[in-house]
């Protein structure tokens, strides 16, 4: 199991950088309080949503997180090398 607080710190660290959805859509996001706000939409994804998704890592696709708000963004952020790769390198 991965440490959701460590994941959240990585998410905050990489805000403003380019990420890619599973179908190639490019976006950057900002973090306001306990929410991630992707630049391509006005959807707010709560830290709680990411905490739930972290329990399901690794994600094979967006299906396991379809019940959460912004599943394609959650997948894109969590499965990106900067997040998931870092988690595996540090084994948190």
PDB file of N, CA and C in Angstrom:
ATOM      1  N   UNK A   1       0.847  -1.187   0.000  1.00  0.00           N
ATOM      2  CA  UNK A   1       0.000   0.000   0.000  1.00  0.00           C
ATOM      3  C   UNK A   1       0.893   1.251   0.000  1.00  0.00           C
ATOM      4  N   UNK A   2       0.420   2.261  -0.677  1.00  0.00           N
ATOM      5  CA  UNK A   2       1.177   3.507  -0.789  1.00  0.00           C
ATOM      6  C   UNK A   2       0.683   4.539   0.218  1.00  0.00           C
ATOM      7  N   UNK A   3       1.566   5.408   0.637  1.00  0.00           N
ATOM      8  CA  UNK A   3       1.272   6.462   1.602  1.00  0.00           C
ATOM      9  C   UNK A   3       0.577   7.624   0.893  1.00  0.00           C
ATOM     10  N   UNK A   4      -0.704   7.838   1.185  1.00  0.00           N
ATOM     11  CA  UNK A   4      -1.468   8.867   0.480  1.00  0.00           C
ATOM     12  C   UNK A   4      -0.951  10.279   0.772  1.00  0.00           C
ATOM     13  N   UNK A   5      -0.384  10.502   1.949  1.00  0.00           N
ATOM     14  CA  UNK A   5       0.170  11.843   2.247  1.00  0.00           C
ATOM     15  C   UNK A   5       1.408  12.111   1.390  1.00  0.00           C
ATOM     16  N   UNK A   6       2.214  11.085   1.183  1.00  0.00           N
ATOM     17  CA  UNK A   6       3.379  11.232   0.311  1.00  0.00           C
ATOM     18  C   UNK A   6       2.932  11.473  -1.128  1.00  0.00           C
ATOM     19  N   UNK A   7       1.902  10.747  -1.561  1.00  0.00           N
ATOM     20  CA  UNK A   7       1.360  10.957  -2.901  1.00  0.00           C
ATOM     21  C   UNK A   7       0.874  12.396  -3.046  1.00  0.00           C
ATOM     22  N   UNK A   8       0.160  12.893  -2.044  1.00  0.00           N
ATOM     23  CA  UNK A   8      -0.344  14.268  -2.088  1.00  0.00           C
ATOM     24  C   UNK A   8       0.815  15.265  -2.183  1.00  0.00           C
ATOM     25  N   UNK A   9       1.898  15.015  -1.479  1.00  0.00           N
ATOM     26  CA  UNK A   9       3.058  15.913  -1.564  1.00  0.00           C
ATOM     27  C   UNK A   9       3.647  15.912  -2.973  1.00  0.00           C
ATOM     28  N   UNK A  10       3.651  14.751  -3.642  1.00  0.00           N
ATOM     29  CA  UNK A  10       4.137  14.670  -5.022  1.00  0.00           C
ATOM     30  C   UNK A  10       3.190  15.399  -5.980  1.00  0.00           C
ATOM     31  N   UNK A  11       1.895  15.252  -5.739  1.00  0.00           N
ATOM     32  CA  UNK A  11       0.910  15.957  -6.572  1.00  0.00           C
ATOM     33  C   UNK A  11       1.137  17.464  -6.461  1.00  0.00           C
ATOM     34  N   UNK A  12       1.313  17.958  -5.253  1.00  0.00           N
ATOM     35  CA  UNK A  12       1.553  19.397  -5.066  1.00  0.00           C
ATOM     36  C   UNK A  12       2.872  19.824  -5.710  1.00  0.00           C
ATOM     37  N   UNK A  13       3.877  18.998  -5.613  1.00  0.00           N
ATOM     38  CA  UNK A  13       5.195  19.304  -6.172  1.00  0.00           C
ATOM     39  C   UNK A  13       5.144  19.501  -7.686  1.00  0.00           C
ATOM     40  N   UNK A  14       4.299  18.759  -8.368  1.00  0.00           N
ATOM     41  CA  UNK A  14       4.268  18.781  -9.835  1.00  0.00           C
ATOM     42  C   UNK A  14       3.149  19.633 -10.429  1.00  0.00           C
ATOM     43  N   UNK A  15       2.482  20.425  -9.593  1.00  0.00           N
ATOM     44  CA  UNK A  15       1.429  21.307 -10.126  1.00  0.00           C
ATOM     45  C   UNK A  15       2.026  22.263 -11.149  1.00  0.00           C
ATOM     46  N   UNK A  16       1.251  22.592 -12.141  1.00  0.00           N
ATOM     47  CA  UNK A  16       1.707  23.494 -13.198  1.00  0.00           C
ATOM     48  C   UNK A  16       2.462  22.811 -14.322  1.00  0.00           C
ATOM     49  N   UNK A  17       2.806  21.543 -14.159  1.00  0.00           N
ATOM     50  CA  UNK A  17       3.528  20.799 -15.192  1.00  0.00           C
ATOM     51  C   UNK A  17       2.522  20.136 -16.140  1.00  0.00           C
ATOM     52  N   UNK A  18       2.987  19.748 -17.315  1.00  0.00           N
ATOM     53  CA  UNK A  18       2.112  19.100 -18.288  1.00  0.00           C
ATOM     54  C   UNK A  18       1.930  17.622 -17.959  1.00  0.00           C
ATOM     55  N   UNK A  19       0.672  17.208 -17.994  1.00  0.00           N
ATOM     56  CA  UNK A  19       0.298  15.811 -17.826  1.00  0.00           C
ATOM     57  C   UNK A  19      -0.560  15.420 -19.023  1.00  0.00           C
ATOM     58  N   UNK A  20      -0.711  14.116 -19.234  1.00  0.00           N
ATOM     59  CA  UNK A  20      -1.448  13.631 -20.395  1.00  0.00           C
ATOM     60  C   UNK A  20      -2.469  12.588 -19.994  1.00  0.00           C
ATOM     61  N   UNK A  21      -3.697  12.807 -20.437  1.00  0.00           N
ATOM     62  CA  UNK A  21      -4.748  11.831 -20.202  1.00  0.00           C
ATOM     63  C   UNK A  21      -4.506  10.603 -21.068  1.00  0.00           C
ATOM     64  N   UNK A  22      -5.211   9.543 -20.751  1.00  0.00           N
ATOM     65  CA  UNK A  22      -5.016   8.261 -21.421  1.00  0.00           C
ATOM     66  C   UNK A  22      -5.218   8.375 -22.942  1.00  0.00           C
ATOM     67  N   UNK A  23      -6.085   9.282 -23.378  1.00  0.00           N
ATOM     68  CA  UNK A  23      -6.328   9.480 -24.815  1.00  0.00           C
ATOM     69  C   UNK A  23      -5.515  10.630 -25.392  1.00  0.00           C
ATOM     70  N   UNK A  24      -4.555  11.132 -24.635  1.00  0.00           N
ATOM     71  CA  UNK A  24      -3.630  12.125 -25.167  1.00  0.00           C
ATOM     72  C   UNK A  24      -3.931  13.570 -24.847  1.00  0.00           C
ATOM     73  N   UNK A  25      -5.044  13.855 -24.188  1.00  0.00           N
ATOM     74  CA  UNK A  25      -5.352  15.237 -23.813  1.00  0.00           C
ATOM     75  C   UNK A  25      -4.301  15.784 -22.858  1.00  0.00           C
ATOM     76  N   UNK A  26      -3.783  16.953 -23.154  1.00  0.00           N
ATOM     77  CA  UNK A  26      -2.739  17.579 -22.332  1.00  0.00           C
ATOM     78  C   UNK A  26      -3.383  18.567 -21.359  1.00  0.00           C
ATOM     79  N   UNK A  27      -2.884  18.589 -20.142  1.00  0.00           N
ATOM     80  CA  UNK A  27      -3.380  19.544 -19.149  1.00  0.00           C
ATOM     81  C   UNK A  27      -2.319  19.796 -18.091  1.00  0.00           C
ATOM     82  N   UNK A  28      -2.471  20.896 -17.408  1.00  0.00           N
ATOM     83  CA  UNK A  28      -1.711  21.192 -16.194  1.00  0.00           C
ATOM     84  C   UNK A  28      -2.768  21.400 -15.113  1.00  0.00           C
ATOM     85  N   UNK A  29      -2.381  21.338 -13.873  1.00  0.00           N
ATOM     86  CA  UNK A  29      -3.348  21.533 -12.794  1.00  0.00           C
ATOM     87  C   UNK A  29      -2.772  22.440 -11.731  1.00  0.00           C
ATOM     88  N   UNK A  30      -3.673  22.996 -10.936  1.00  0.00           N
ATOM     89  CA  UNK A  30      -3.254  23.747  -9.765  1.00  0.00           C
ATOM     90  C   UNK A  30      -3.843  23.077  -8.539  1.00  0.00           C
ATOM     91  N   UNK A  31      -3.262  23.363  -7.405  1.00  0.00           N
ATOM     92  CA  UNK A  31      -3.763  22.823  -6.144  1.00  0.00           C
ATOM     93  C   UNK A  31      -4.223  24.001  -5.298  1.00  0.00           C
ATOM     94  N   UNK A  32      -5.484  23.968  -4.912  1.00  0.00           N
ATOM     95  CA  UNK A  32      -6.043  24.996  -4.025  1.00  0.00           C
ATOM     96  C   UNK A  32      -6.614  24.292  -2.817  1.00  0.00           C
ATOM     97  N   UNK A  33      -6.011  24.519  -1.678  1.00  0.00           N
ATOM     98  CA  UNK A  33      -6.443  23.824  -0.467  1.00  0.00           C
ATOM     99  C   UNK A  33      -6.267  22.334  -0.643  1.00  0.00           C
ATOM    100  N   UNK A  34      -7.347  21.601  -0.474  1.00  0.00           N
ATOM    101  CA  UNK A  34      -7.306  20.146  -0.632  1.00  0.00           C
ATOM    102  C   UNK A  34      -7.969  19.703  -1.926  1.00  0.00           C
ATOM    103  N   UNK A  35      -7.813  20.526  -2.972  1.00  0.00           N
ATOM    104  CA  UNK A  35      -8.393  20.191  -4.275  1.00  0.00           C
ATOM    105  C   UNK A  35      -7.378  20.374  -5.394  1.00  0.00           C
ATOM    106  N   UNK A  36      -7.470  19.499  -6.380  1.00  0.00           N
ATOM    107  CA  UNK A  36      -6.721  19.629  -7.628  1.00  0.00           C
ATOM    108  C   UNK A  36      -7.702  20.173  -8.656  1.00  0.00           C
ATOM    109  N   UNK A  37      -7.276  21.206  -9.385  1.00  0.00           N
ATOM    110  CA  UNK A  37      -8.120  21.800 -10.413  1.00  0.00           C
ATOM    111  C   UNK A  37      -7.372  21.728 -11.740  1.00  0.00           C
ATOM    112  N   UNK A  38      -7.761  20.771 -12.597  1.00  0.00           N
ATOM    113  CA  UNK A  38      -7.124  20.672 -13.915  1.00  0.00           C
ATOM    114  C   UNK A  38      -7.460  21.900 -14.762  1.00  0.00           C
ATOM    115  N   UNK A  39      -6.503  22.352 -15.551  1.00  0.00           N
ATOM    116  CA  UNK A  39      -6.662  23.566 -16.340  1.00  0.00           C
ATOM    117  C   UNK A  39      -7.671  23.468 -17.470  1.00  0.00           C
ATOM    118  N   UNK A  40      -8.003  22.297 -17.926  1.00  0.00           N
ATOM    119  CA  UNK A  40      -8.913  22.137 -19.063  1.00  0.00           C
ATOM    120  C   UNK A  40     -10.376  22.064 -18.660  1.00  0.00           C
ATOM    121  N   UNK A  41     -10.667  22.148 -17.384  1.00  0.00           N
ATOM    122  CA  UNK A  41     -12.037  21.976 -16.904  1.00  0.00           C
ATOM    123  C   UNK A  41     -12.199  22.729 -15.585  1.00  0.00           C
ATOM    124  N   UNK A  42     -13.421  22.911 -15.162  1.00  0.00           N
ATOM    125  CA  UNK A  42     -13.641  23.530 -13.852  1.00  0.00           C
ATOM    126  C   UNK A  42     -13.938  22.483 -12.785  1.00  0.00           C
ATOM    127  N   UNK A  43     -13.669  21.224 -13.085  1.00  0.00           N
ATOM    128  CA  UNK A  43     -13.847  20.132 -12.127  1.00  0.00           C
ATOM    129  C   UNK A  43     -12.823  20.280 -11.007  1.00  0.00           C
ATOM    130  N   UNK A  44     -13.290  20.130  -9.786  1.00  0.00           N
ATOM    131  CA  UNK A  44     -12.387  20.103  -8.632  1.00  0.00           C
ATOM    132  C   UNK A  44     -12.321  18.670  -8.136  1.00  0.00           C
ATOM    133  N   UNK A  45     -11.106  18.169  -8.007  1.00  0.00           N
ATOM    134  CA  UNK A  45     -10.911  16.800  -7.539  1.00  0.00           C
ATOM    135  C   UNK A  45     -10.336  16.878  -6.128  1.00  0.00           C
ATOM    136  N   UNK A  46     -11.063  16.345  -5.179  1.00  0.00           N
ATOM    137  CA  UNK A  46     -10.645  16.459  -3.780  1.00  0.00           C
ATOM    138  C   UNK A  46      -9.483  15.535  -3.446  1.00  0.00           C
ATOM    139  N   UNK A  47      -8.762  15.920  -2.429  1.00  0.00           N
ATOM    140  CA  UNK A  47      -7.682  15.086  -1.915  1.00  0.00           C
ATOM    141  C   UNK A  47      -8.247  13.723  -1.506  1.00  0.00           C
ATOM    142  N   UNK A  48      -9.457  13.720  -0.975  1.00  0.00           N
ATOM    143  CA  UNK A  48     -10.111  12.470  -0.574  1.00  0.00           C
ATOM    144  C   UNK A  48     -10.258  11.520  -1.761  1.00  0.00           C
ATOM    145  N   UNK A  49     -10.588  12.069  -2.937  1.00  0.00           N
ATOM    146  CA  UNK A  49     -10.682  11.249  -4.142  1.00  0.00           C
ATOM    147  C   UNK A  49      -9.349  10.615  -4.491  1.00  0.00           C
ATOM    148  N   UNK A  50      -8.284  11.409  -4.377  1.00  0.00           N
ATOM    149  CA  UNK A  50      -6.953  10.854  -4.637  1.00  0.00           C
ATOM    150  C   UNK A  50      -6.592   9.812  -3.586  1.00  0.00           C
ATOM    151  N   UNK A  51      -6.950  10.070  -2.323  1.00  0.00           N
ATOM    152  CA  UNK A  51      -6.672   9.099  -1.259  1.00  0.00           C
ATOM    153  C   UNK A  51      -7.338   7.749  -1.569  1.00  0.00           C
ATOM    154  N   UNK A  52      -8.582   7.799  -2.054  1.00  0.00           N
ATOM    155  CA  UNK A  52      -9.282   6.559  -2.419  1.00  0.00           C
ATOM    156  C   UNK A  52      -8.590   5.866  -3.585  1.00  0.00           C
ATOM    157  N   UNK A  53      -8.167   6.649  -4.582  1.00  0.00           N
ATOM    158  CA  UNK A  53      -7.517   6.085  -5.768  1.00  0.00           C
ATOM    159  C   UNK A  53      -6.172   5.462  -5.425  1.00  0.00           C
ATOM    160  N   UNK A  54      -5.457   6.054  -4.478  1.00  0.00           N
ATOM    161  CA  UNK A  54      -4.142   5.530  -4.076  1.00  0.00           C
ATOM    162  C   UNK A  54      -4.276   4.093  -3.569  1.00  0.00           C
ATOM    163  N   UNK A  55      -5.393   3.779  -2.921  1.00  0.00           N
ATOM    164  CA  UNK A  55      -5.619   2.418  -2.416  1.00  0.00           C
ATOM    165  C   UNK A  55      -5.728   1.396  -3.541  1.00  0.00           C
ATOM    166  N   UNK A  56      -5.985   1.867  -4.764  1.00  0.00           N
ATOM    167  CA  UNK A  56      -6.192   0.977  -5.911  1.00  0.00           C
ATOM    168  C   UNK A  56      -4.972   0.860  -6.821  1.00  0.00           C
ATOM    169  N   UNK A  57      -3.895   1.552  -6.470  1.00  0.00           N
ATOM    170  CA  UNK A  57      -2.692   1.551  -7.320  1.00  0.00           C
ATOM    171  C   UNK A  57      -2.055   0.180  -7.392  1.00  0.00           C
ATOM    172  N   UNK A  58      -1.504  -0.173  -8.542  1.00  0.00           N
ATOM    173  CA  UNK A  58      -1.454   0.584  -9.798  1.00  0.00           C
ATOM    174  C   UNK A  58      -2.769   0.471 -10.566  1.00  0.00           C
ATOM    175  N   UNK A  59      -3.107   1.538 -11.280  1.00  0.00           N
ATOM    176  CA  UNK A  59      -4.332   1.570 -12.069  1.00  0.00           C
ATOM    177  C   UNK A  59      -4.047   1.084 -13.489  1.00  0.00           C
ATOM    178  N   UNK A  60      -4.759   0.074 -13.967  1.00  0.00           N
ATOM    179  CA  UNK A  60      -4.540  -0.400 -15.335  1.00  0.00           C
ATOM    180  C   UNK A  60      -5.133   0.557 -16.365  1.00  0.00           C
ATOM    181  N   UNK A  61      -6.184   1.297 -15.958  1.00  0.00           N
ATOM    182  CA  UNK A  61      -6.874   2.273 -16.798  1.00  0.00           C
ATOM    183  C   UNK A  61      -7.775   3.088 -15.879  1.00  0.00           C
ATOM    184  N   UNK A  62      -8.718   3.832 -16.434  1.00  0.00           N
ATOM    185  CA  UNK A  62      -9.570   4.690 -15.606  1.00  0.00           C
ATOM    186  C   UNK A  62     -10.741   3.958 -14.948  1.00  0.00           C
ATOM    187  N   UNK A  63     -11.021   2.737 -15.380  1.00  0.00           N
ATOM    188  CA  UNK A  63     -12.200   2.017 -14.893  1.00  0.00           C
ATOM    189  C   UNK A  63     -12.241   1.889 -13.362  1.00  0.00           C
ATOM    190  N   UNK A  64     -11.145   1.529 -12.689  1.00  0.00           N
ATOM    191  CA  UNK A  64     -11.233   1.374 -11.227  1.00  0.00           C
ATOM    192  C   UNK A  64     -11.572   2.670 -10.478  1.00  0.00           C
ATOM    193  N   UNK A  65     -11.409   3.825 -11.133  1.00  0.00           N
ATOM    194  CA  UNK A  65     -11.684   5.103 -10.457  1.00  0.00           C
ATOM    195  C   UNK A  65     -12.873   5.842 -11.078  1.00  0.00           C
ATOM    196  N   UNK A  66     -13.671   5.148 -11.887  1.00  0.00           N
ATOM    197  CA  UNK A  66     -14.838   5.786 -12.512  1.00  0.00           C
ATOM    198  C   UNK A  66     -15.841   6.313 -11.501  1.00  0.00           C
ATOM    199  N   UNK A  67     -15.858   5.763 -10.309  1.00  0.00           N
ATOM    200  CA  UNK A  67     -16.789   6.227  -9.283  1.00  0.00           C
ATOM    201  C   UNK A  67     -16.330   7.541  -8.640  1.00  0.00           C
ATOM    202  N   UNK A  68     -15.123   7.973  -8.937  1.00  0.00           N
ATOM    203  CA  UNK A  68     -14.583   9.202  -8.374  1.00  0.00           C
ATOM    204  C   UNK A  68     -14.733  10.351  -9.363  1.00  0.00           C
ATOM    205  N   UNK A  69     -14.697  11.557  -8.868  1.00  0.00           N
ATOM    206  CA  UNK A  69     -14.794  12.737  -9.722  1.00  0.00           C
ATOM    207  C   UNK A  69     -13.489  12.903 -10.500  1.00  0.00           C
ATOM    208  N   UNK A  70     -13.587  13.110 -11.815  1.00  0.00           N
ATOM    209  CA  UNK A  70     -12.409  13.338 -12.651  1.00  0.00           C
ATOM    210  C   UNK A  70     -11.522  12.130 -12.850  1.00  0.00           C
ATOM    211  N   UNK A  71     -12.089  10.962 -13.179  1.00  0.00           N
ATOM    212  CA  UNK A  71     -11.273   9.750 -13.263  1.00  0.00           C
ATOM    213  C   UNK A  71     -10.125   9.828 -14.263  1.00  0.00           C
ATOM    214  N   UNK A  72     -10.321  10.477 -15.400  1.00  0.00           N
ATOM    215  CA  UNK A  72      -9.236  10.534 -16.382  1.00  0.00           C
ATOM    216  C   UNK A  72      -8.082  11.400 -15.887  1.00  0.00           C
ATOM    217  N   UNK A  73      -8.394  12.412 -15.089  1.00  0.00           N
ATOM    218  CA  UNK A  73      -7.342  13.253 -14.512  1.00  0.00           C
ATOM    219  C   UNK A  73      -6.630  12.526 -13.373  1.00  0.00           C
ATOM    220  N   UNK A  74      -7.398  11.833 -12.553  1.00  0.00           N
ATOM    221  CA  UNK A  74      -6.800  11.051 -11.461  1.00  0.00           C
ATOM    222  C   UNK A  74      -5.827  10.028 -12.033  1.00  0.00           C
ATOM    223  N   UNK A  75      -6.266   9.304 -13.053  1.00  0.00           N
ATOM    224  CA  UNK A  75      -5.399   8.311 -13.683  1.00  0.00           C
ATOM    225  C   UNK A  75      -4.143   8.975 -14.243  1.00  0.00           C
ATOM    226  N   UNK A  76      -4.332  10.049 -14.995  1.00  0.00           N
ATOM    227  CA  UNK A  76      -3.194  10.720 -15.640  1.00  0.00           C
ATOM    228  C   UNK A  76      -2.163  11.190 -14.622  1.00  0.00           C
ATOM    229  N   UNK A  77      -2.625  11.720 -13.518  1.00  0.00           N
ATOM    230  CA  UNK A  77      -1.704  12.233 -12.491  1.00  0.00           C
ATOM    231  C   UNK A  77      -1.040  11.085 -11.738  1.00  0.00           C
ATOM    232  N   UNK A  78      -1.837  10.159 -11.231  1.00  0.00           N
ATOM    233  CA  UNK A  78      -1.271   9.102 -10.389  1.00  0.00           C
ATOM    234  C   UNK A  78      -0.381   8.126 -11.143  1.00  0.00           C
ATOM    235  N   UNK A  79      -0.697   7.845 -12.394  1.00  0.00           N
ATOM    236  CA  UNK A  79       0.087   6.856 -13.128  1.00  0.00           C
ATOM    237  C   UNK A  79       1.251   7.480 -13.906  1.00  0.00           C
ATOM    238  N   UNK A  80       1.379   8.788 -13.854  1.00  0.00           N
ATOM    239  CA  UNK A  80       2.510   9.456 -14.495  1.00  0.00           C
ATOM    240  C   UNK A  80       3.811   9.038 -13.809  1.00  0.00           C
ATOM    241  N   UNK A  81       4.872   8.952 -14.584  1.00  0.00           N
ATOM    242  CA  UNK A  81       6.187   8.558 -14.062  1.00  0.00           C
ATOM    243  C   UNK A  81       6.630   9.443 -12.894  1.00  0.00           C
ATOM    244  N   UNK A  82       6.280  10.722 -12.939  1.00  0.00           N
ATOM    245  CA  UNK A  82       6.696  11.648 -11.867  1.00  0.00           C
ATOM    246  C   UNK A  82       6.036  11.326 -10.537  1.00  0.00           C
ATOM    247  N   UNK A  83       4.893  10.688 -10.574  1.00  0.00           N
ATOM    248  CA  UNK A  83       4.199  10.313  -9.337  1.00  0.00           C
ATOM    249  C   UNK A  83       4.411   8.825  -9.056  1.00  0.00           C
ATOM    250  N   UNK A  84       3.864   7.971  -9.919  1.00  0.00           N
ATOM    251  CA  UNK A  84       3.943   6.528  -9.669  1.00  0.00           C
ATOM    252  C   UNK A  84       5.393   6.018  -9.694  1.00  0.00           C
ATOM    253  N   UNK A  85       6.170   6.532 -10.625  1.00  0.00           N
ATOM    254  CA  UNK A  85       7.583   6.143 -10.680  1.00  0.00           C
ATOM    255  C   UNK A  85       8.313   6.514  -9.405  1.00  0.00           C
ATOM    256  N   UNK A  86       8.038   7.703  -8.899  1.00  0.00           N
ATOM    257  CA  UNK A  86       8.659   8.156  -7.648  1.00  0.00           C
ATOM    258  C   UNK A  86       8.217   7.280  -6.483  1.00  0.00           C
ATOM    259  N   UNK A  87       6.944   6.917  -6.461  1.00  0.00           N
ATOM    260  CA  UNK A  87       6.443   6.039  -5.394  1.00  0.00           C
ATOM    261  C   UNK A  87       7.196   4.717  -5.389  1.00  0.00           C
ATOM    262  N   UNK A  88       7.394   4.163  -6.556  1.00  0.00           N
ATOM    263  CA  UNK A  88       8.086   2.879  -6.639  1.00  0.00           C
ATOM    264  C   UNK A  88       9.568   2.995  -6.326  1.00  0.00           C
ATOM    265  N   UNK A  89      10.167   4.096  -6.702  1.00  0.00           N
ATOM    266  CA  UNK A  89      11.592   4.293  -6.375  1.00  0.00           C
ATOM    267  C   UNK A  89      11.798   4.460  -4.876  1.00  0.00           C
ATOM    268  N   UNK A  90      10.840   5.087  -4.194  1.00  0.00           N
ATOM    269  CA  UNK A  90      10.975   5.315  -2.767  1.00  0.00           C
ATOM    270  C   UNK A  90      10.204   4.324  -1.920  1.00  0.00           C
ATOM    271  N   UNK A  91       9.445   3.443  -2.565  1.00  0.00           N
ATOM    272  CA  UNK A  91       8.696   2.366  -1.889  1.00  0.00           C
ATOM    273  C   UNK A  91       7.907   2.854  -0.683  1.00  0.00           C
ATOM    274  N   UNK A  92       7.139   3.944  -0.893  1.00  0.00           N
ATOM    275  CA  UNK A  92       6.267   4.453   0.176  1.00  0.00           C
ATOM    276  C   UNK A  92       4.910   3.815   0.065  1.00  0.00           C
TER     277      UNK A  92
END
